[in-house]
Amino acid sequence: MSTLSQNTPTPETVDARQPYLDMALRIATIVAETNARIFKLQTEAASVALAENSKHLKTLLETRNPAAAVTEWTGLYQSNVQRVLEVTRTCFEIVPQTQAKLAKLVGEPIASYHKETQKYLDQFTKAIADGRDAAAAQMTDFLAKAVESVRAPQDANKENVA
C-alpha cells in the first residue's frame, strides 16, 4: 500500500493569473508590431523594385544597342542590390529594437527581485564582515589576556629575583 497522498493543486483565480496574461499580451503586441513593420518594409521595397524594374525592362527591351543595354542593366542591377542591402540593414535595425523592448518588458519584474536579492546579499555580507570583525576582536582580546596571564607570573618571578 502506498503512503503517498494525492496532492491537488490549488486552483488559481483569474486575478492571480492576470499579470501573466498581461505580460503575454504585451509580448504578443511587441512581436506583432515588429512583424507588421518588417512586412510593410518588405512590401514597400518589393513594390518599388517591381515598378522600377518594369519601367527599366521596357527601356532595355526597346534599346537596339546591346552594349548600351548591358551597361544600363549593370547600373540597374547595382541599384537593386543597394536597395536590397538597405532593406536588409533596416530589418537588422528593427530586430535589436524589438529585443530591447522585450528585454525591458521582461526585465522590469526581474529587476525588482534583483534589487531585493542584492539588498539581502549586502546585509548578509555585512553580517559576515561584522561577525568576522567581532571574532577577530575576541581572538585579539583572548590572545592579549593569554599573553598577559603568562607574563604576570614571569614578571613576578623577575621582581622576586631582583
N, C-alpha and C. Protein backbone atom coordinates (compact mmCIF):
# COMPACT_ATOMS: atom_id res chain seq x y z
N MET A 1 0.84 -1.16 0.00
CA MET A 1 0.00 0.00 0.00
C MET A 1 0.89 1.23 0.00
N SER A 2 0.56 2.19 -0.81
CA SER A 2 1.38 3.39 -0.97
C SER A 2 1.09 4.37 0.16
N THR A 3 2.16 5.01 0.59
CA THR A 3 2.00 6.02 1.63
C THR A 3 1.91 7.42 1.04
N LEU A 4 1.99 7.50 -0.29
CA LEU A 4 1.90 8.80 -0.95
C LEU A 4 0.44 9.25 -0.99
N SER A 5 0.24 10.49 -0.71
CA SER A 5 -1.12 11.02 -0.80
C SER A 5 -1.23 11.87 -2.06
N GLN A 6 -2.40 11.90 -2.60
CA GLN A 6 -2.62 12.67 -3.81
C GLN A 6 -2.68 14.14 -3.44
N ASN A 7 -1.91 14.94 -4.17
CA ASN A 7 -1.87 16.37 -3.91
C ASN A 7 -2.63 17.08 -5.01
N THR A 8 -3.66 17.76 -4.67
CA THR A 8 -4.44 18.50 -5.63
C THR A 8 -3.95 19.94 -5.62
N PRO A 9 -3.50 20.43 -6.77
CA PRO A 9 -3.00 21.81 -6.79
C PRO A 9 -4.14 22.79 -6.51
N THR A 10 -3.78 23.85 -5.85
CA THR A 10 -4.75 24.88 -5.54
C THR A 10 -5.07 25.62 -6.83
N PRO A 11 -6.34 25.69 -7.19
CA PRO A 11 -6.67 26.39 -8.43
C PRO A 11 -6.40 27.88 -8.27
N GLU A 12 -5.78 28.45 -9.30
CA GLU A 12 -5.50 29.88 -9.27
C GLU A 12 -6.73 30.63 -9.75
N THR A 13 -6.94 31.76 -9.17
CA THR A 13 -8.05 32.59 -9.62
C THR A 13 -7.61 33.35 -10.86
N VAL A 14 -8.57 33.90 -11.55
CA VAL A 14 -8.28 34.69 -12.74
C VAL A 14 -7.42 35.89 -12.35
N ASP A 15 -7.69 36.45 -11.18
CA ASP A 15 -6.91 37.61 -10.73
C ASP A 15 -5.44 37.26 -10.53
N ALA A 16 -5.16 36.05 -10.06
CA ALA A 16 -3.78 35.62 -9.83
C ALA A 16 -3.04 35.43 -11.15
N ARG A 17 -3.76 35.05 -12.20
CA ARG A 17 -3.13 34.82 -13.50
C ARG A 17 -3.08 36.07 -14.35
N GLN A 18 -3.77 37.11 -13.96
CA GLN A 18 -3.87 38.32 -14.78
C GLN A 18 -2.51 38.94 -15.13
N PRO A 19 -1.58 39.05 -14.17
CA PRO A 19 -0.27 39.62 -14.56
C PRO A 19 0.43 38.82 -15.65
N TYR A 20 0.30 37.50 -15.61
CA TYR A 20 0.92 36.66 -16.64
C TYR A 20 0.24 36.85 -17.99
N LEU A 21 -1.07 36.97 -17.96
CA LEU A 21 -1.81 37.21 -19.20
C LEU A 21 -1.47 38.57 -19.78
N ASP A 22 -1.35 39.57 -18.92
CA ASP A 22 -0.97 40.90 -19.38
C ASP A 22 0.42 40.89 -20.02
N MET A 23 1.35 40.19 -19.37
CA MET A 23 2.71 40.10 -19.89
C MET A 23 2.71 39.40 -21.25
N ALA A 24 1.98 38.30 -21.36
CA ALA A 24 1.91 37.57 -22.62
C ALA A 24 1.29 38.44 -23.72
N LEU A 25 0.28 39.21 -23.36
CA LEU A 25 -0.37 40.10 -24.32
C LEU A 25 0.59 41.20 -24.78
N ARG A 26 1.36 41.75 -23.86
CA ARG A 26 2.32 42.79 -24.23
C ARG A 26 3.43 42.22 -25.12
N ILE A 27 3.88 41.01 -24.81
CA ILE A 27 4.90 40.37 -25.66
C ILE A 27 4.34 40.12 -27.05
N ALA A 28 3.13 39.60 -27.12
CA ALA A 28 2.50 39.33 -28.41
C ALA A 28 2.32 40.63 -29.20
N THR A 29 1.98 41.72 -28.52
CA THR A 29 1.80 43.01 -29.19
C THR A 29 3.11 43.50 -29.78
N ILE A 30 4.19 43.38 -29.01
CA ILE A 30 5.51 43.82 -29.50
C ILE A 30 5.91 42.99 -30.72
N VAL A 31 5.72 41.69 -30.65
CA VAL A 31 6.09 40.81 -31.77
C VAL A 31 5.21 41.12 -32.99
N ALA A 32 3.93 41.33 -32.78
CA ALA A 32 3.03 41.64 -33.90
C ALA A 32 3.39 42.98 -34.54
N GLU A 33 3.72 43.99 -33.72
CA GLU A 33 4.12 45.28 -34.26
C GLU A 33 5.41 45.15 -35.08
N THR A 34 6.33 44.36 -34.58
CA THR A 34 7.59 44.16 -35.30
C THR A 34 7.34 43.46 -36.63
N ASN A 35 6.53 42.42 -36.60
CA ASN A 35 6.19 41.71 -37.84
C ASN A 35 5.52 42.64 -38.84
N ALA A 36 4.63 43.51 -38.35
CA ALA A 36 3.95 44.45 -39.24
C ALA A 36 4.96 45.44 -39.84
N ARG A 37 5.90 45.92 -39.04
CA ARG A 37 6.93 46.85 -39.56
C ARG A 37 7.77 46.17 -40.63
N ILE A 38 8.20 44.95 -40.36
CA ILE A 38 9.04 44.24 -41.33
C ILE A 38 8.25 43.93 -42.60
N PHE A 39 7.01 43.50 -42.45
CA PHE A 39 6.18 43.19 -43.61
C PHE A 39 5.95 44.45 -44.45
N LYS A 40 5.66 45.58 -43.79
CA LYS A 40 5.43 46.84 -44.50
C LYS A 40 6.69 47.25 -45.25
N LEU A 41 7.83 47.14 -44.59
CA LEU A 41 9.10 47.50 -45.21
C LEU A 41 9.37 46.63 -46.44
N GLN A 42 9.17 45.33 -46.30
CA GLN A 42 9.42 44.42 -47.42
C GLN A 42 8.43 44.64 -48.55
N THR A 43 7.18 44.88 -48.21
CA THR A 43 6.14 45.11 -49.23
C THR A 43 6.43 46.38 -50.02
N GLU A 44 6.77 47.46 -49.29
CA GLU A 44 7.08 48.71 -49.98
C GLU A 44 8.31 48.56 -50.87
N ALA A 45 9.33 47.88 -50.37
CA ALA A 45 10.54 47.68 -51.15
C ALA A 45 10.24 46.84 -52.39
N ALA A 46 9.44 45.80 -52.23
CA ALA A 46 9.09 44.96 -53.38
C ALA A 46 8.28 45.73 -54.41
N SER A 47 7.34 46.56 -53.95
CA SER A 47 6.52 47.35 -54.87
C SER A 47 7.37 48.34 -55.65
N VAL A 48 8.27 49.03 -54.96
CA VAL A 48 9.14 50.00 -55.63
C VAL A 48 10.05 49.27 -56.62
N ALA A 49 10.61 48.15 -56.20
CA ALA A 49 11.51 47.40 -57.07
C ALA A 49 10.78 46.90 -58.32
N LEU A 50 9.57 46.39 -58.12
CA LEU A 50 8.79 45.88 -59.26
C LEU A 50 8.46 47.01 -60.23
N ALA A 51 8.04 48.16 -59.70
CA ALA A 51 7.71 49.28 -60.58
C ALA A 51 8.93 49.77 -61.34
N GLU A 52 10.04 49.93 -60.64
CA GLU A 52 11.25 50.40 -61.32
C GLU A 52 11.77 49.37 -62.32
N ASN A 53 11.76 48.11 -61.93
CA ASN A 53 12.26 47.07 -62.84
C ASN A 53 11.38 46.96 -64.08
N SER A 54 10.08 47.11 -63.91
CA SER A 54 9.18 47.05 -65.09
C SER A 54 9.48 48.22 -66.03
N LYS A 55 9.65 49.40 -65.46
CA LYS A 55 9.96 50.57 -66.28
C LYS A 55 11.29 50.39 -67.00
N HIS A 56 12.30 49.95 -66.27
CA HIS A 56 13.62 49.78 -66.88
C HIS A 56 13.67 48.61 -67.86
N LEU A 57 12.91 47.56 -67.59
CA LEU A 57 12.89 46.42 -68.50
C LEU A 57 12.32 46.85 -69.85
N LYS A 58 11.31 47.68 -69.83
CA LYS A 58 10.72 48.17 -71.07
C LYS A 58 11.76 48.99 -71.84
N THR A 59 12.49 49.82 -71.11
CA THR A 59 13.53 50.63 -71.75
C THR A 59 14.62 49.74 -72.32
N LEU A 60 15.01 48.72 -71.57
CA LEU A 60 16.06 47.81 -72.04
C LEU A 60 15.61 47.05 -73.29
N LEU A 61 14.35 46.63 -73.32
CA LEU A 61 13.86 45.88 -74.48
C LEU A 61 13.77 46.76 -75.72
N GLU A 62 13.55 48.04 -75.53
CA GLU A 62 13.45 48.95 -76.67
C GLU A 62 14.82 49.40 -77.17
N THR A 63 15.85 49.18 -76.37
CA THR A 63 17.20 49.60 -76.77
C THR A 63 17.71 48.66 -77.84
N ARG A 64 18.20 49.26 -78.91
CA ARG A 64 18.71 48.47 -80.03
C ARG A 64 20.22 48.22 -79.90
N ASN A 65 20.86 48.96 -79.06
CA ASN A 65 22.31 48.84 -78.90
C ASN A 65 22.61 47.87 -77.75
N PRO A 66 23.12 46.67 -78.00
CA PRO A 66 23.37 45.70 -76.94
C PRO A 66 24.38 46.19 -75.90
N ALA A 67 25.39 46.93 -76.32
CA ALA A 67 26.40 47.43 -75.37
C ALA A 67 25.75 48.40 -74.39
N ALA A 68 24.90 49.27 -74.88
CA ALA A 68 24.21 50.24 -74.01
C ALA A 68 23.25 49.51 -73.07
N ALA A 69 22.60 48.45 -73.58
CA ALA A 69 21.67 47.67 -72.75
C ALA A 69 22.41 46.99 -71.61
N VAL A 70 23.58 46.44 -71.90
CA VAL A 70 24.37 45.77 -70.85
C VAL A 70 24.84 46.79 -69.82
N THR A 71 25.27 47.94 -70.28
CA THR A 71 25.71 49.00 -69.36
C THR A 71 24.56 49.45 -68.48
N GLU A 72 23.41 49.65 -69.10
CA GLU A 72 22.24 50.08 -68.32
C GLU A 72 21.81 48.97 -67.35
N TRP A 73 21.83 47.72 -67.81
CA TRP A 73 21.43 46.60 -66.95
C TRP A 73 22.36 46.52 -65.74
N THR A 74 23.66 46.73 -65.94
CA THR A 74 24.62 46.70 -64.83
C THR A 74 24.28 47.77 -63.80
N GLY A 75 23.97 48.95 -64.26
CA GLY A 75 23.58 50.04 -63.34
C GLY A 75 22.31 49.70 -62.58
N LEU A 76 21.34 49.12 -63.28
CA LEU A 76 20.08 48.73 -62.62
C LEU A 76 20.32 47.63 -61.60
N TYR A 77 21.18 46.69 -61.94
CA TYR A 77 21.49 45.59 -61.02
C TYR A 77 22.13 46.14 -59.75
N GLN A 78 23.07 47.06 -59.91
CA GLN A 78 23.72 47.66 -58.74
C GLN A 78 22.71 48.44 -57.89
N SER A 79 21.81 49.13 -58.54
CA SER A 79 20.77 49.87 -57.82
C SER A 79 19.87 48.92 -57.03
N ASN A 80 19.51 47.80 -57.66
CA ASN A 80 18.68 46.80 -56.97
C ASN A 80 19.41 46.19 -55.77
N VAL A 81 20.69 45.89 -55.94
CA VAL A 81 21.47 45.33 -54.84
C VAL A 81 21.55 46.34 -53.69
N GLN A 82 21.74 47.61 -54.03
CA GLN A 82 21.78 48.65 -52.99
C GLN A 82 20.44 48.70 -52.23
N ARG A 83 19.34 48.58 -52.96
CA ARG A 83 18.01 48.61 -52.34
C ARG A 83 17.83 47.40 -51.41
N VAL A 84 18.26 46.23 -51.87
CA VAL A 84 18.16 45.02 -51.04
C VAL A 84 19.00 45.18 -49.77
N LEU A 85 20.20 45.72 -49.91
CA LEU A 85 21.05 45.93 -48.75
C LEU A 85 20.43 46.93 -47.77
N GLU A 86 19.80 47.96 -48.29
CA GLU A 86 19.15 48.96 -47.43
C GLU A 86 17.97 48.33 -46.67
N VAL A 87 17.18 47.54 -47.36
CA VAL A 87 16.06 46.86 -46.69
C VAL A 87 16.58 45.89 -45.63
N THR A 88 17.62 45.16 -45.97
CA THR A 88 18.22 44.22 -45.01
C THR A 88 18.76 44.96 -43.79
N ARG A 89 19.47 46.06 -44.03
CA ARG A 89 20.01 46.86 -42.92
C ARG A 89 18.89 47.36 -42.02
N THR A 90 17.81 47.83 -42.62
CA THR A 90 16.67 48.31 -41.82
C THR A 90 16.06 47.18 -41.02
N CYS A 91 15.94 46.01 -41.62
CA CYS A 91 15.42 44.85 -40.87
C CYS A 91 16.33 44.51 -39.70
N PHE A 92 17.63 44.57 -39.93
CA PHE A 92 18.58 44.28 -38.86
C PHE A 92 18.55 45.35 -37.77
N GLU A 93 18.05 46.53 -38.08
CA GLU A 93 17.87 47.56 -37.05
C GLU A 93 16.59 47.30 -36.25
N ILE A 94 15.59 46.78 -36.91
CA ILE A 94 14.31 46.52 -36.24
C ILE A 94 14.44 45.41 -35.21
N VAL A 95 15.19 44.37 -35.53
CA VAL A 95 15.31 43.22 -34.63
C VAL A 95 15.91 43.61 -33.27
N PRO A 96 17.03 44.33 -33.21
CA PRO A 96 17.56 44.73 -31.89
C PRO A 96 16.62 45.66 -31.12
N GLN A 97 15.89 46.50 -31.86
CA GLN A 97 14.92 47.36 -31.18
C GLN A 97 13.84 46.51 -30.51
N THR A 98 13.41 45.48 -31.21
CA THR A 98 12.41 44.57 -30.64
C THR A 98 12.99 43.82 -29.45
N GLN A 99 14.21 43.35 -29.58
CA GLN A 99 14.85 42.66 -28.46
C GLN A 99 14.96 43.58 -27.25
N ALA A 100 15.28 44.83 -27.47
CA ALA A 100 15.39 45.79 -26.36
C ALA A 100 14.03 45.99 -25.68
N LYS A 101 12.97 46.10 -26.49
CA LYS A 101 11.62 46.25 -25.92
C LYS A 101 11.24 45.03 -25.09
N LEU A 102 11.52 43.85 -25.63
CA LEU A 102 11.19 42.63 -24.91
C LEU A 102 12.03 42.50 -23.63
N ALA A 103 13.29 42.84 -23.72
CA ALA A 103 14.16 42.76 -22.54
C ALA A 103 13.68 43.72 -21.46
N LYS A 104 13.28 44.90 -21.88
CA LYS A 104 12.76 45.88 -20.90
C LYS A 104 11.47 45.36 -20.27
N LEU A 105 10.60 44.83 -21.10
CA LEU A 105 9.32 44.33 -20.61
C LEU A 105 9.50 43.18 -19.63
N VAL A 106 10.33 42.22 -20.01
CA VAL A 106 10.54 41.05 -19.17
C VAL A 106 11.47 41.38 -18.00
N GLY A 107 12.38 42.33 -18.23
CA GLY A 107 13.36 42.67 -17.21
C GLY A 107 12.80 43.47 -16.05
N GLU A 108 11.71 44.21 -16.25
CA GLU A 108 11.15 45.04 -15.18
C GLU A 108 10.78 44.22 -13.95
N PRO A 109 10.03 43.13 -14.08
CA PRO A 109 9.71 42.36 -12.87
C PRO A 109 10.95 41.72 -12.25
N ILE A 110 11.88 41.30 -13.09
CA ILE A 110 13.08 40.66 -12.59
C ILE A 110 13.96 41.68 -11.86
N ALA A 111 13.95 42.92 -12.32
CA ALA A 111 14.79 43.95 -11.71
C ALA A 111 14.43 44.16 -10.24
N SER A 112 13.14 44.13 -9.92
CA SER A 112 12.75 44.31 -8.52
C SER A 112 13.25 43.15 -7.67
N TYR A 113 13.19 41.93 -8.22
CA TYR A 113 13.72 40.78 -7.48
C TYR A 113 15.23 40.89 -7.33
N HIS A 114 15.87 41.38 -8.38
CA HIS A 114 17.32 41.53 -8.33
C HIS A 114 17.70 42.54 -7.24
N LYS A 115 16.98 43.66 -7.18
CA LYS A 115 17.27 44.66 -6.16
C LYS A 115 17.06 44.09 -4.77
N GLU A 116 15.98 43.36 -4.58
CA GLU A 116 15.69 42.75 -3.28
C GLU A 116 16.77 41.73 -2.91
N THR A 117 17.14 40.91 -3.88
CA THR A 117 18.18 39.92 -3.63
C THR A 117 19.50 40.60 -3.30
N GLN A 118 19.82 41.66 -4.03
CA GLN A 118 21.06 42.39 -3.78
C GLN A 118 21.06 42.99 -2.38
N LYS A 119 19.90 43.48 -1.95
CA LYS A 119 19.80 44.05 -0.60
C LYS A 119 20.09 42.99 0.45
N TYR A 120 19.51 41.80 0.29
CA TYR A 120 19.75 40.72 1.25
C TYR A 120 21.20 40.24 1.19
N LEU A 121 21.75 40.20 0.00
CA LEU A 121 23.15 39.80 -0.14
C LEU A 121 24.07 40.81 0.55
N ASP A 122 23.77 42.08 0.40
CA ASP A 122 24.56 43.11 1.08
C ASP A 122 24.45 42.97 2.60
N GLN A 123 23.23 42.72 3.09
CA GLN A 123 23.05 42.52 4.53
C GLN A 123 23.82 41.30 5.01
N PHE A 124 23.77 40.23 4.25
CA PHE A 124 24.48 39.00 4.60
C PHE A 124 25.99 39.24 4.64
N THR A 125 26.49 39.94 3.61
CA THR A 125 27.92 40.24 3.55
C THR A 125 28.34 41.11 4.72
N LYS A 126 27.50 42.09 5.07
CA LYS A 126 27.81 42.95 6.21
C LYS A 126 27.81 42.15 7.50
N ALA A 127 26.84 41.24 7.65
CA ALA A 127 26.78 40.41 8.85
C ALA A 127 28.01 39.53 8.98
N ILE A 128 28.44 38.99 7.83
CA ILE A 128 29.66 38.16 7.86
C ILE A 128 30.86 39.01 8.23
N ALA A 129 30.96 40.18 7.63
CA ALA A 129 32.09 41.07 7.93
C ALA A 129 32.05 41.50 9.40
N ASP A 130 30.87 41.86 9.88
CA ASP A 130 30.75 42.25 11.29
C ASP A 130 31.11 41.09 12.20
N GLY A 131 30.64 39.90 11.86
CA GLY A 131 30.95 38.71 12.65
C GLY A 131 32.43 38.40 12.63
N ARG A 132 33.02 38.58 11.44
CA ARG A 132 34.46 38.34 11.31
C ARG A 132 35.23 39.34 12.17
N ASP A 133 34.80 40.61 12.12
CA ASP A 133 35.47 41.64 12.93
C ASP A 133 35.30 41.36 14.42
N ALA A 134 34.08 40.95 14.80
CA ALA A 134 33.84 40.64 16.21
C ALA A 134 34.67 39.44 16.64
N ALA A 135 34.74 38.43 15.77
CA ALA A 135 35.55 37.25 16.10
C ALA A 135 37.02 37.62 16.19
N ALA A 136 37.48 38.48 15.28
CA ALA A 136 38.88 38.91 15.32
C ALA A 136 39.15 39.70 16.60
N ALA A 137 38.20 40.55 16.99
CA ALA A 137 38.37 41.32 18.22
C ALA A 137 38.41 40.40 19.44
N GLN A 138 37.53 39.41 19.48
CA GLN A 138 37.53 38.46 20.59
C GLN A 138 38.82 37.65 20.63
N MET A 139 39.31 37.24 19.45
CA MET A 139 40.55 36.48 19.39
C MET A 139 41.71 37.35 19.86
N THR A 140 41.75 38.60 19.45
CA THR A 140 42.82 39.51 19.89
C THR A 140 42.77 39.70 21.40
N ASP A 141 41.54 39.88 21.92
CA ASP A 141 41.38 40.05 23.37
C ASP A 141 41.82 38.79 24.09
N PHE A 142 41.43 37.62 23.58
CA PHE A 142 41.83 36.35 24.20
C PHE A 142 43.35 36.19 24.21
N LEU A 143 43.97 36.47 23.05
CA LEU A 143 45.42 36.34 22.97
C LEU A 143 46.12 37.33 23.90
N ALA A 144 45.59 38.55 23.99
CA ALA A 144 46.19 39.54 24.88
C ALA A 144 46.10 39.07 26.33
N LYS A 145 44.94 38.52 26.71
CA LYS A 145 44.78 38.02 28.08
C LYS A 145 45.66 36.81 28.32
N ALA A 146 45.78 35.93 27.33
CA ALA A 146 46.63 34.76 27.48
C ALA A 146 48.08 35.16 27.65
N VAL A 147 48.53 36.10 26.82
CA VAL A 147 49.91 36.57 26.92
C VAL A 147 50.12 37.26 28.27
N GLU A 148 49.14 38.04 28.69
CA GLU A 148 49.23 38.74 29.98
C GLU A 148 49.29 37.73 31.13
N SER A 149 48.48 36.68 31.02
CA SER A 149 48.49 35.69 32.10
C SER A 149 49.80 34.93 32.16
N VAL A 150 50.45 34.76 31.04
CA VAL A 150 51.75 34.09 31.02
C VAL A 150 52.83 35.05 31.53
N ARG A 151 52.73 36.33 31.17
CA ARG A 151 53.73 37.31 31.57
C ARG A 151 53.66 37.63 33.06
N ALA A 152 52.47 37.68 33.61
CA ALA A 152 52.31 38.10 35.01
C ALA A 152 53.16 37.25 35.96
N PRO A 153 53.11 35.92 35.86
CA PRO A 153 53.96 35.14 36.76
C PRO A 153 55.45 35.35 36.47
N GLN A 154 55.80 35.55 35.16
CA GLN A 154 57.21 35.78 34.84
C GLN A 154 57.69 37.10 35.41
N ASP A 155 56.84 38.15 35.32
CA ASP A 155 57.22 39.45 35.86
C ASP A 155 57.36 39.36 37.38
N ALA A 156 56.45 38.59 38.00
CA ALA A 156 56.51 38.42 39.47
C ALA A 156 57.80 37.70 39.84
N ASN A 157 58.20 36.71 39.07
CA ASN A 157 59.45 35.98 39.34
C ASN A 157 60.66 36.89 39.17
N LYS A 158 60.65 37.76 38.18
CA LYS A 158 61.75 38.69 37.96
C LYS A 158 61.88 39.64 39.13
N GLU A 159 60.73 40.11 39.67
CA GLU A 159 60.77 41.03 40.82
C GLU A 159 61.30 40.31 42.04
N ASN A 160 60.93 39.06 42.24
CA ASN A 160 61.42 38.29 43.37
C ASN A 160 62.93 38.04 43.26
N VAL A 161 63.41 37.85 42.03
CA VAL A 161 64.82 37.58 41.83
C VAL A 161 65.61 38.87 42.05
N ALA A 162 65.09 39.96 41.68
CA ALA A 162 65.81 41.21 41.78
C ALA A 162 65.78 41.70 43.17
